Amino acid sequence: MASKWALVGFVKSLLMELGPFGIRANAVCPGNVESERIERVISMESAARGISREELRAQWMLGSSMRTFVTPQDVAATVLFVCSDAGVHISGQALAVDGHTEFV
């Protein structure tokens, strides 16, 4: 967690220094992203806890208000938006792309 907060602080520092030159800085903070990596993590943790992969996945989904994992395309779309003209005044933000994740 400390490293994530450090990254957010770094982004805000970048903005303070580079903002006057029209340079934007944001942190995109993805939640659980549907991928081979997350499937490996689920497999290892479910085995360590002695529960099924499906049960662990369901538990993790309870931590998301939208009851879903995000896709790589969701993350890419967010990055494209903040880099576009539509996101011209979005800067210094930590943008969660996670379906509103809370820890349970």
PDB file of N, CA and C in Angstrom:
ATOM      1  N   MET A   1       0.809  -1.195   0.000  1.00  0.00           N
ATOM      2  CA  MET A   1       0.000   0.000   0.000  1.00  0.00           C
ATOM      3  C   MET A   1       0.853   1.260   0.000  1.00  0.00           C
ATOM      4  N   ALA A   2       1.948   1.252   0.734  1.00  0.00           N
ATOM      5  CA  ALA A   2       2.790   2.449   0.815  1.00  0.00           C
ATOM      6  C   ALA A   2       3.324   2.836  -0.553  1.00  0.00           C
ATOM      7  N   SER A   3       3.662   1.825  -1.367  1.00  0.00           N
ATOM      8  CA  SER A   3       4.197   2.142  -2.692  1.00  0.00           C
ATOM      9  C   SER A   3       3.135   2.788  -3.575  1.00  0.00           C
ATOM     10  N   LYS A   4       1.876   2.387  -3.402  1.00  0.00           N
ATOM     11  CA  LYS A   4       0.800   3.003  -4.197  1.00  0.00           C
ATOM     12  C   LYS A   4       0.598   4.459  -3.793  1.00  0.00           C
ATOM     13  N   TRP A   5       0.614   4.732  -2.495  1.00  0.00           N
ATOM     14  CA  TRP A   5       0.481   6.111  -2.039  1.00  0.00           C
ATOM     15  C   TRP A   5       1.672   6.942  -2.484  1.00  0.00           C
ATOM     16  N   ALA A   6       2.855   6.337  -2.523  1.00  0.00           N
ATOM     17  CA  ALA A   6       4.044   7.049  -2.990  1.00  0.00           C
ATOM     18  C   ALA A   6       3.881   7.441  -4.455  1.00  0.00           C
ATOM     19  N   LEU A   7       3.307   6.555  -5.256  1.00  0.00           N
ATOM     20  CA  LEU A   7       3.087   6.855  -6.665  1.00  0.00           C
ATOM     21  C   LEU A   7       2.105   8.005  -6.827  1.00  0.00           C
ATOM     22  N   VAL A   8       1.029   8.005  -6.050  1.00  0.00           N
ATOM     23  CA  VAL A   8       0.044   9.094  -6.118  1.00  0.00           C
ATOM     24  C   VAL A   8       0.713  10.415  -5.726  1.00  0.00           C
ATOM     25  N   GLY A   9       1.525  10.396  -4.690  1.00  0.00           N
ATOM     26  CA  GLY A   9       2.247  11.596  -4.284  1.00  0.00           C
ATOM     27  C   GLY A   9       3.207  12.070  -5.362  1.00  0.00           C
ATOM     28  N   PHE A  10       3.867  11.121  -6.012  1.00  0.00           N
ATOM     29  CA  PHE A  10       4.782  11.455  -7.104  1.00  0.00           C
ATOM     30  C   PHE A  10       4.032  12.138  -8.238  1.00  0.00           C
ATOM     31  N   VAL A  11       2.868  11.609  -8.598  1.00  0.00           N
ATOM     32  CA  VAL A  11       2.058  12.199  -9.669  1.00  0.00           C
ATOM     33  C   VAL A  11       1.665  13.627  -9.302  1.00  0.00           C
ATOM     34  N   LYS A  12       1.238  13.837  -8.069  1.00  0.00           N
ATOM     35  CA  LYS A  12       0.855  15.184  -7.644  1.00  0.00           C
ATOM     36  C   LYS A  12       2.057  16.129  -7.655  1.00  0.00           C
ATOM     37  N   SER A  13       3.225  15.642  -7.284  1.00  0.00           N
ATOM     38  CA  SER A  13       4.439  16.458  -7.343  1.00  0.00           C
ATOM     39  C   SER A  13       4.793  16.808  -8.785  1.00  0.00           C
ATOM     40  N   LEU A  14       4.667  15.824  -9.674  1.00  0.00           N
ATOM     41  CA  LEU A  14       4.915  16.094 -11.091  1.00  0.00           C
ATOM     42  C   LEU A  14       3.998  17.190 -11.596  1.00  0.00           C
ATOM     43  N   LEU A  15       2.733  17.100 -11.234  1.00  0.00           N
ATOM     44  CA  LEU A  15       1.775  18.100 -11.694  1.00  0.00           C
ATOM     45  C   LEU A  15       2.157  19.487 -11.202  1.00  0.00           C
ATOM     46  N   MET A  16       2.527  19.618  -9.946  1.00  0.00           N
ATOM     47  CA  MET A  16       2.883  20.930  -9.409  1.00  0.00           C
ATOM     48  C   MET A  16       4.075  21.523 -10.157  1.00  0.00           C
ATOM     49  N   GLU A  17       5.014  20.662 -10.540  1.00  0.00           N
ATOM     50  CA  GLU A  17       6.194  21.156 -11.246  1.00  0.00           C
ATOM     51  C   GLU A  17       5.958  21.350 -12.737  1.00  0.00           C
ATOM     52  N   LEU A  18       5.173  20.489 -13.358  1.00  0.00           N
ATOM     53  CA  LEU A  18       5.022  20.505 -14.809  1.00  0.00           C
ATOM     54  C   LEU A  18       3.715  21.130 -15.294  1.00  0.00           C
ATOM     55  N   GLY A  19       2.733  21.248 -14.405  1.00  0.00           N
ATOM     56  CA  GLY A  19       1.449  21.831 -14.771  1.00  0.00           C
ATOM     57  C   GLY A  19       1.553  23.197 -15.429  1.00  0.00           C
ATOM     58  N   PRO A  20       2.386  24.087 -14.907  1.00  0.00           N
ATOM     59  CA  PRO A  20       2.506  25.406 -15.537  1.00  0.00           C
ATOM     60  C   PRO A  20       2.970  25.355 -17.002  1.00  0.00           C
ATOM     61  N   PHE A  21       3.524  24.228 -17.409  1.00  0.00           N
ATOM     62  CA  PHE A  21       3.966  24.062 -18.792  1.00  0.00           C
ATOM     63  C   PHE A  21       2.925  23.307 -19.630  1.00  0.00           C
ATOM     64  N   GLY A  22       1.751  23.087 -19.056  1.00  0.00           N
ATOM     65  CA  GLY A  22       0.679  22.395 -19.775  1.00  0.00           C
ATOM     66  C   GLY A  22       0.819  20.889 -19.793  1.00  0.00           C
ATOM     67  N   ILE A  23       1.667  20.356 -18.923  1.00  0.00           N
ATOM     68  CA  ILE A  23       1.871  18.903 -18.874  1.00  0.00           C
ATOM     69  C   ILE A  23       0.997  18.323 -17.774  1.00  0.00           C
ATOM     70  N   ARG A  24       0.183  17.350 -18.143  1.00  0.00           N
ATOM     71  CA  ARG A  24      -0.710  16.692 -17.194  1.00  0.00           C
ATOM     72  C   ARG A  24      -0.060  15.447 -16.621  1.00  0.00           C
ATOM     73  N   ALA A  25      -0.485  15.082 -15.426  1.00  0.00           N
ATOM     74  CA  ALA A  25       0.010  13.856 -14.782  1.00  0.00           C
ATOM     75  C   ALA A  25      -1.130  13.245 -13.984  1.00  0.00           C
ATOM     76  N   ASN A  26      -1.382  11.981 -14.207  1.00  0.00           N
ATOM     77  CA  ASN A  26      -2.416  11.240 -13.493  1.00  0.00           C
ATOM     78  C   ASN A  26      -1.895   9.850 -13.179  1.00  0.00           C
ATOM     79  N   ALA A  27      -2.484   9.239 -12.173  1.00  0.00           N
ATOM     80  CA  ALA A  27      -2.184   7.848 -11.853  1.00  0.00           C
ATOM     81  C   ALA A  27      -3.435   7.031 -12.154  1.00  0.00           C
ATOM     82  N   VAL A  28      -3.309   6.030 -12.985  1.00  0.00           N
ATOM     83  CA  VAL A  28      -4.413   5.120 -13.262  1.00  0.00           C
ATOM     84  C   VAL A  28      -4.211   3.913 -12.352  1.00  0.00           C
ATOM     85  N   CYS A  29      -5.223   3.645 -11.521  1.00  0.00           N
ATOM     86  CA  CYS A  29      -5.129   2.619 -10.484  1.00  0.00           C
ATOM     87  C   CYS A  29      -6.124   1.497 -10.776  1.00  0.00           C
ATOM     88  N   PRO A  30      -5.699   0.494 -11.535  1.00  0.00           N
ATOM     89  CA  PRO A  30      -6.624  -0.597 -11.851  1.00  0.00           C
ATOM     90  C   PRO A  30      -6.837  -1.515 -10.652  1.00  0.00           C
ATOM     91  N   GLY A  31      -8.024  -2.072 -10.596  1.00  0.00           N
ATOM     92  CA  GLY A  31      -8.324  -3.087  -9.582  1.00  0.00           C
ATOM     93  C   GLY A  31      -7.900  -4.448 -10.111  1.00  0.00           C
ATOM     94  N   ASN A  32      -8.693  -5.446  -9.842  1.00  0.00           N
ATOM     95  CA  ASN A  32      -8.409  -6.789 -10.345  1.00  0.00           C
ATOM     96  C   ASN A  32      -8.700  -6.814 -11.839  1.00  0.00           C
ATOM     97  N   VAL A  33      -7.669  -7.039 -12.624  1.00  0.00           N
ATOM     98  CA  VAL A  33      -7.790  -7.031 -14.080  1.00  0.00           C
ATOM     99  C   VAL A  33      -7.852  -8.472 -14.585  1.00  0.00           C
ATOM    100  N   GLU A  34      -8.896  -8.764 -15.347  1.00  0.00           N
ATOM    101  CA  GLU A  34      -9.028 -10.096 -15.952  1.00  0.00           C
ATOM    102  C   GLU A  34      -7.799 -10.369 -16.792  1.00  0.00           C
ATOM    103  N   SER A  35      -7.010 -11.353 -16.384  1.00  0.00           N
ATOM    104  CA  SER A  35      -5.778 -11.655 -17.111  1.00  0.00           C
ATOM    105  C   SER A  35      -5.241 -13.003 -16.650  1.00  0.00           C
ATOM    106  N   GLU A  36      -4.242 -13.472 -17.368  1.00  0.00           N
ATOM    107  CA  GLU A  36      -3.582 -14.722 -16.961  1.00  0.00           C
ATOM    108  C   GLU A  36      -2.941 -14.553 -15.588  1.00  0.00           C
ATOM    109  N   ARG A  37      -2.403 -13.366 -15.322  1.00  0.00           N
ATOM    110  CA  ARG A  37      -1.747 -13.121 -14.038  1.00  0.00           C
ATOM    111  C   ARG A  37      -2.722 -13.275 -12.887  1.00  0.00           C
ATOM    112  N   ILE A  38      -3.887 -12.657 -12.986  1.00  0.00           N
ATOM    113  CA  ILE A  38      -4.851 -12.732 -11.873  1.00  0.00           C
ATOM    114  C   ILE A  38      -5.338 -14.164 -11.701  1.00  0.00           C
ATOM    115  N   GLU A  39      -5.434 -14.912 -12.781  1.00  0.00           N
ATOM    116  CA  GLU A  39      -5.845 -16.313 -12.679  1.00  0.00           C
ATOM    117  C   GLU A  39      -4.792 -17.126 -11.926  1.00  0.00           C
ATOM    118  N   ARG A  40      -3.505 -16.823 -12.155  1.00  0.00           N
ATOM    119  CA  ARG A  40      -2.445 -17.507 -11.402  1.00  0.00           C
ATOM    120  C   ARG A  40      -2.520 -17.140  -9.922  1.00  0.00           C
ATOM    121  N   VAL A  41      -2.760 -15.867  -9.634  1.00  0.00           N
ATOM    122  CA  VAL A  41      -2.864 -15.423  -8.242  1.00  0.00           C
ATOM    123  C   VAL A  41      -4.044 -16.118  -7.560  1.00  0.00           C
ATOM    124  N   ILE A  42      -5.178 -16.179  -8.235  1.00  0.00           N
ATOM    125  CA  ILE A  42      -6.364 -16.853  -7.680  1.00  0.00           C
ATOM    126  C   ILE A  42      -6.062 -18.329  -7.439  1.00  0.00           C
ATOM    127  N   SER A  43      -5.404 -18.974  -8.383  1.00  0.00           N
ATOM    128  CA  SER A  43      -5.071 -20.398  -8.225  1.00  0.00           C
ATOM    129  C   SER A  43      -4.178 -20.622  -7.014  1.00  0.00           C
ATOM    130  N   MET A  44      -3.140 -19.803  -6.881  1.00  0.00           N
ATOM    131  CA  MET A  44      -2.214 -19.980  -5.758  1.00  0.00           C
ATOM    132  C   MET A  44      -2.884 -19.675  -4.424  1.00  0.00           C
ATOM    133  N   GLU A  45      -3.644 -18.585  -4.359  1.00  0.00           N
ATOM    134  CA  GLU A  45      -4.276 -18.230  -3.080  1.00  0.00           C
ATOM    135  C   GLU A  45      -5.366 -19.223  -2.703  1.00  0.00           C
ATOM    136  N   SER A  46      -6.154 -19.675  -3.675  1.00  0.00           N
ATOM    137  CA  SER A  46      -7.212 -20.639  -3.347  1.00  0.00           C
ATOM    138  C   SER A  46      -6.600 -21.944  -2.837  1.00  0.00           C
ATOM    139  N   ALA A  47      -5.491 -22.372  -3.437  1.00  0.00           N
ATOM    140  CA  ALA A  47      -4.818 -23.587  -2.975  1.00  0.00           C
ATOM    141  C   ALA A  47      -4.269 -23.391  -1.563  1.00  0.00           C
ATOM    142  N   ALA A  48      -3.693 -22.230  -1.317  1.00  0.00           N
ATOM    143  CA  ALA A  48      -3.123 -21.953   0.011  1.00  0.00           C
ATOM    144  C   ALA A  48      -4.210 -21.889   1.080  1.00  0.00           C
ATOM    145  N   ARG A  49      -5.387 -21.409   0.713  1.00  0.00           N
ATOM    146  CA  ARG A  49      -6.480 -21.285   1.684  1.00  0.00           C
ATOM    147  C   ARG A  49      -7.370 -22.522   1.722  1.00  0.00           C
ATOM    148  N   GLY A  50      -7.164 -23.442   0.793  1.00  0.00           N
ATOM    149  CA  GLY A  50      -7.951 -24.671   0.778  1.00  0.00           C
ATOM    150  C   GLY A  50      -9.394 -24.465   0.347  1.00  0.00           C
ATOM    151  N   ILE A  51      -9.606 -23.509  -0.550  1.00  0.00           N
ATOM    152  CA  ILE A  51     -10.948 -23.280  -1.088  1.00  0.00           C
ATOM    153  C   ILE A  51     -10.873 -23.322  -2.607  1.00  0.00           C
ATOM    154  N   SER A  52     -12.016 -23.431  -3.246  1.00  0.00           N
ATOM    155  CA  SER A  52     -12.026 -23.510  -4.708  1.00  0.00           C
ATOM    156  C   SER A  52     -11.715 -22.140  -5.321  1.00  0.00           C
ATOM    157  N   ARG A  53     -11.245 -22.188  -6.543  1.00  0.00           N
ATOM    158  CA  ARG A  53     -10.978 -20.955  -7.278  1.00  0.00           C
ATOM    159  C   ARG A  53     -12.258 -20.127  -7.416  1.00  0.00           C
ATOM    160  N   GLU A  54     -13.370 -20.813  -7.664  1.00  0.00           N
ATOM    161  CA  GLU A  54     -14.643 -20.127  -7.838  1.00  0.00           C
ATOM    162  C   GLU A  54     -15.069 -19.412  -6.549  1.00  0.00           C
ATOM    163  N   GLU A  55     -14.854 -20.081  -5.403  1.00  0.00           N
ATOM    164  CA  GLU A  55     -15.207 -19.475  -4.123  1.00  0.00           C
ATOM    165  C   GLU A  55     -14.348 -18.235  -3.845  1.00  0.00           C
ATOM    166  N   LEU A  56     -13.065 -18.337  -4.124  1.00  0.00           N
ATOM    167  CA  LEU A  56     -12.180 -17.196  -3.904  1.00  0.00           C
ATOM    168  C   LEU A  56     -12.545 -16.044  -4.832  1.00  0.00           C
ATOM    169  N   ARG A  57     -12.787 -16.354  -6.103  1.00  0.00           N
ATOM    170  CA  ARG A  57     -13.192 -15.321  -7.067  1.00  0.00           C
ATOM    171  C   ARG A  57     -14.471 -14.631  -6.579  1.00  0.00           C
ATOM    172  N   ALA A  58     -15.426 -15.394  -6.096  1.00  0.00           N
ATOM    173  CA  ALA A  58     -16.680 -14.826  -5.582  1.00  0.00           C
ATOM    174  C   ALA A  58     -16.410 -13.909  -4.390  1.00  0.00           C
ATOM    175  N   GLN A  59     -15.502 -14.313  -3.505  1.00  0.00           N
ATOM    176  CA  GLN A  59     -15.151 -13.474  -2.361  1.00  0.00           C
ATOM    177  C   GLN A  59     -14.538 -12.156  -2.825  1.00  0.00           C
ATOM    178  N   TRP A  60     -13.646 -12.246  -3.801  1.00  0.00           N
ATOM    179  CA  TRP A  60     -13.022 -11.028  -4.315  1.00  0.00           C
ATOM    180  C   TRP A  60     -14.056 -10.122  -4.982  1.00  0.00           C
ATOM    181  N   MET A  61     -15.003 -10.717  -5.675  1.00  0.00           N
ATOM    182  CA  MET A  61     -16.047  -9.925  -6.346  1.00  0.00           C
ATOM    183  C   MET A  61     -16.895  -9.167  -5.330  1.00  0.00           C
ATOM    184  N   LEU A  62     -17.063  -9.735  -4.133  1.00  0.00           N
ATOM    185  CA  LEU A  62     -17.823  -9.034  -3.094  1.00  0.00           C
ATOM    186  C   LEU A  62     -17.152  -7.727  -2.688  1.00  0.00           C
ATOM    187  N   GLY A  63     -15.860  -7.608  -2.945  1.00  0.00           N
ATOM    188  CA  GLY A  63     -15.128  -6.389  -2.631  1.00  0.00           C
ATOM    189  C   GLY A  63     -15.314  -5.296  -3.659  1.00  0.00           C
ATOM    190  N   SER A  64     -16.027  -5.581  -4.739  1.00  0.00           N
ATOM    191  CA  SER A  64     -16.284  -4.601  -5.792  1.00  0.00           C
ATOM    192  C   SER A  64     -17.769  -4.273  -5.831  1.00  0.00           C
ATOM    193  N   SER A  65     -18.090  -2.996  -5.718  1.00  0.00           N
ATOM    194  CA  SER A  65     -19.499  -2.591  -5.767  1.00  0.00           C
ATOM    195  C   SER A  65     -20.179  -3.056  -7.041  1.00  0.00           C
ATOM    196  N   MET A  66     -19.416  -3.141  -8.128  1.00  0.00           N
ATOM    197  CA  MET A  66     -19.980  -3.557  -9.410  1.00  0.00           C
ATOM    198  C   MET A  66     -19.902  -5.066  -9.605  1.00  0.00           C
ATOM    199  N   ARG A  67     -19.339  -5.784  -8.609  1.00  0.00           N
ATOM    200  CA  ARG A  67     -19.237  -7.247  -8.617  1.00  0.00           C
ATOM    201  C   ARG A  67     -18.589  -7.777  -9.899  1.00  0.00           C
ATOM    202  N   THR A  68     -17.488  -7.151 -10.274  1.00  0.00           N
ATOM    203  CA  THR A  68     -16.807  -7.554 -11.493  1.00  0.00           C
ATOM    204  C   THR A  68     -15.320  -7.252 -11.395  1.00  0.00           C
ATOM    205  N   PHE A  69     -14.545  -7.887 -12.222  1.00  0.00           N
ATOM    206  CA  PHE A  69     -13.165  -7.509 -12.439  1.00  0.00           C
ATOM    207  C   PHE A  69     -13.176  -6.577 -13.654  1.00  0.00           C
ATOM    208  N   VAL A  70     -12.125  -5.790 -13.814  1.00  0.00           N
ATOM    209  CA  VAL A  70     -12.044  -4.928 -14.985  1.00  0.00           C
ATOM    210  C   VAL A  70     -11.254  -5.645 -16.072  1.00  0.00           C
ATOM    211  N   THR A  71     -11.349  -5.145 -17.279  1.00  0.00           N
ATOM    212  CA  THR A  71     -10.611  -5.729 -18.398  1.00  0.00           C
ATOM    213  C   THR A  71      -9.439  -4.817 -18.754  1.00  0.00           C
ATOM    214  N   PRO A  72      -8.454  -5.362 -19.444  1.00  0.00           N
ATOM    215  CA  PRO A  72      -7.375  -4.503 -19.926  1.00  0.00           C
ATOM    216  C   PRO A  72      -7.913  -3.368 -20.803  1.00  0.00           C
ATOM    217  N   GLN A  73      -8.994  -3.634 -21.529  1.00  0.00           N
ATOM    218  CA  GLN A  73      -9.598  -2.608 -22.377  1.00  0.00           C
ATOM    219  C   GLN A  73     -10.186  -1.475 -21.542  1.00  0.00           C
ATOM    220  N   ASP A  74     -10.740  -1.798 -20.355  1.00  0.00           N
ATOM    221  CA  ASP A  74     -11.254  -0.760 -19.457  1.00  0.00           C
ATOM    222  C   ASP A  74     -10.134   0.189 -19.029  1.00  0.00           C
ATOM    223  N   VAL A  75      -9.001  -0.384 -18.705  1.00  0.00           N
ATOM    224  CA  VAL A  75      -7.856   0.421 -18.266  1.00  0.00           C
ATOM    225  C   VAL A  75      -7.352   1.274 -19.428  1.00  0.00           C
ATOM    226  N   ALA A  76      -7.215   0.667 -20.597  1.00  0.00           N
ATOM    227  CA  ALA A  76      -6.739   1.401 -21.775  1.00  0.00           C
ATOM    228  C   ALA A  76      -7.690   2.533 -22.140  1.00  0.00           C
ATOM    229  N   ALA A  77      -8.983   2.308 -22.043  1.00  0.00           N
ATOM    230  CA  ALA A  77      -9.960   3.350 -22.371  1.00  0.00           C
ATOM    231  C   ALA A  77      -9.827   4.540 -21.432  1.00  0.00           C
ATOM    232  N   THR A  78      -9.542   4.273 -20.165  1.00  0.00           N
ATOM    233  CA  THR A  78      -9.347   5.360 -19.204  1.00  0.00           C
ATOM    234  C   THR A  78      -8.110   6.176 -19.562  1.00  0.00           C
ATOM    235  N   VAL A  79      -7.032   5.489 -19.883  1.00  0.00           N
ATOM    236  CA  VAL A  79      -5.799   6.180 -20.267  1.00  0.00           C
ATOM    237  C   VAL A  79      -6.044   7.028 -21.519  1.00  0.00           C
ATOM    238  N   LEU A  80      -6.712   6.454 -22.514  1.00  0.00           N
ATOM    239  CA  LEU A  80      -6.995   7.208 -23.736  1.00  0.00           C
ATOM    240  C   LEU A  80      -7.856   8.429 -23.449  1.00  0.00           C
ATOM    241  N   PHE A  81      -8.833   8.293 -22.564  1.00  0.00           N
ATOM    242  CA  PHE A  81      -9.700   9.419 -22.238  1.00  0.00           C
ATOM    243  C   PHE A  81      -8.919  10.565 -21.604  1.00  0.00           C
ATOM    244  N   VAL A  82      -8.110  10.260 -20.574  1.00  0.00           N
ATOM    245  CA  VAL A  82      -7.401  11.350 -19.898  1.00  0.00           C
ATOM    246  C   VAL A  82      -6.321  11.961 -20.788  1.00  0.00           C
ATOM    247  N   CYS A  83      -5.873  11.231 -21.798  1.00  0.00           N
ATOM    248  CA  CYS A  83      -4.893  11.786 -22.737  1.00  0.00           C
ATOM    249  C   CYS A  83      -5.548  12.556 -23.887  1.00  0.00           C
ATOM    250  N   SER A  84      -6.855  12.435 -24.003  1.00  0.00           N
ATOM    251  CA  SER A  84      -7.567  13.076 -25.109  1.00  0.00           C
ATOM    252  C   SER A  84      -7.914  14.527 -24.776  1.00  0.00           C
ATOM    253  N   ASP A  85      -8.438  15.229 -25.771  1.00  0.00           N
ATOM    254  CA  ASP A  85      -8.904  16.602 -25.559  1.00  0.00           C
ATOM    255  C   ASP A  85     -10.039  16.643 -24.537  1.00  0.00           C
ATOM    256  N   ALA A  86     -10.827  15.575 -24.456  1.00  0.00           N
ATOM    257  CA  ALA A  86     -11.933  15.538 -23.487  1.00  0.00           C
ATOM    258  C   ALA A  86     -11.425  15.525 -22.056  1.00  0.00           C
ATOM    259  N   GLY A  87     -10.203  15.061 -21.843  1.00  0.00           N
ATOM    260  CA  GLY A  87      -9.638  15.001 -20.498  1.00  0.00           C
ATOM    261  C   GLY A  87      -8.603  16.086 -20.241  1.00  0.00           C
ATOM    262  N   VAL A  88      -8.658  17.153 -21.020  1.00  0.00           N
ATOM    263  CA  VAL A  88      -7.617  18.176 -20.972  1.00  0.00           C
ATOM    264  C   VAL A  88      -7.420  18.804 -19.592  1.00  0.00           C
ATOM    265  N   HIS A  89      -8.457  18.867 -18.784  1.00  0.00           N
ATOM    266  CA  HIS A  89      -8.323  19.478 -17.462  1.00  0.00           C
ATOM    267  C   HIS A  89      -8.332  18.456 -16.330  1.00  0.00           C
ATOM    268  N   ILE A  90      -8.111  17.206 -16.656  1.00  0.00           N
ATOM    269  CA  ILE A  90      -7.997  16.181 -15.625  1.00  0.00           C
ATOM    270  C   ILE A  90      -6.517  15.969 -15.381  1.00  0.00           C
ATOM    271  N   SER A  91      -6.071  16.353 -14.197  1.00  0.00           N
ATOM    272  CA  SER A  91      -4.658  16.204 -13.877  1.00  0.00           C
ATOM    273  C   SER A  91      -4.481  16.149 -12.370  1.00  0.00           C
ATOM    274  N   GLY A  92      -3.458  15.457 -11.956  1.00  0.00           N
ATOM    275  CA  GLY A  92      -3.171  15.306 -10.531  1.00  0.00           C
ATOM    276  C   GLY A  92      -4.111  14.360  -9.831  1.00  0.00           C
ATOM    277  N   GLN A  93      -4.725  13.454 -10.591  1.00  0.00           N
ATOM    278  CA  GLN A  93      -5.737  12.569 -10.035  1.00  0.00           C
ATOM    279  C   GLN A  93      -5.248  11.124  -9.945  1.00  0.00           C
ATOM    280  N   ALA A  94      -5.785  10.411  -8.985  1.00  0.00           N
ATOM    281  CA  ALA A  94      -5.626   8.967  -8.896  1.00  0.00           C
ATOM    282  C   ALA A  94      -6.948   8.392  -9.383  1.00  0.00           C
ATOM    283  N   LEU A  95      -6.949   7.865 -10.588  1.00  0.00           N
ATOM    284  CA  LEU A  95      -8.168   7.379 -11.224  1.00  0.00           C
ATOM    285  C   LEU A  95      -8.318   5.884 -11.016  1.00  0.00           C
ATOM    286  N   ALA A  96      -9.248   5.520 -10.158  1.00  0.00           N
ATOM    287  CA  ALA A  96      -9.506   4.104  -9.888  1.00  0.00           C
ATOM    288  C   ALA A  96     -10.339   3.514 -11.007  1.00  0.00           C
ATOM    289  N   VAL A  97      -9.839   2.457 -11.604  1.00  0.00           N
ATOM    290  CA  VAL A  97     -10.576   1.706 -12.624  1.00  0.00           C
ATOM    291  C   VAL A  97     -10.752   0.321 -12.024  1.00  0.00           C
ATOM    292  N   ASP A  98     -11.769   0.220 -11.154  1.00  0.00           N
ATOM    293  CA  ASP A  98     -11.869  -1.003 -10.358  1.00  0.00           C
ATOM    294  C   ASP A  98     -13.291  -1.385  -9.975  1.00  0.00           C
ATOM    295  N   GLY A  99     -14.282  -0.677 -10.490  1.00  0.00           N
ATOM    296  CA  GLY A  99     -15.664  -0.995 -10.092  1.00  0.00           C
ATOM    297  C   GLY A  99     -15.943  -0.671  -8.651  1.00  0.00           C
ATOM    298  N   HIS A 100     -15.177   0.262  -8.095  1.00  0.00           N
ATOM    299  CA  HIS A 100     -15.252   0.689  -6.683  1.00  0.00           C
ATOM    300  C   HIS A 100     -14.909  -0.466  -5.763  1.00  0.00           C
ATOM    301  N   THR A 101     -13.640  -0.707  -5.640  1.00  0.00           N
ATOM    302  CA  THR A 101     -13.147  -1.812  -4.805  1.00  0.00           C
ATOM    303  C   THR A 101     -12.983  -1.378  -3.371  1.00  0.00           C
ATOM    304  N   GLU A 102     -13.505  -2.168  -2.475  1.00  0.00           N
ATOM    305  CA  GLU A 102     -13.301  -2.028  -1.037  1.00  0.00           C
ATOM    306  C   GLU A 102     -12.777  -3.370  -0.540  1.00  0.00           C
ATOM    307  N   PHE A 103     -11.997  -3.347   0.475  1.00  0.00           N
ATOM    308  CA  PHE A 103     -11.489  -4.611   1.021  1.00  0.00           C
ATOM    309  C   PHE A 103     -12.522  -5.201   1.976  1.00  0.00           C
ATOM    310  N   VAL A 104     -12.768  -6.494   1.816  1.00  0.00           N
ATOM    311  CA  VAL A 104     -13.702  -7.191   2.719  1.00  0.00           C
ATOM    312  C   VAL A 104     -12.947  -8.172   3.579  1.00  0.00           C
TER     313      VAL A 104
END
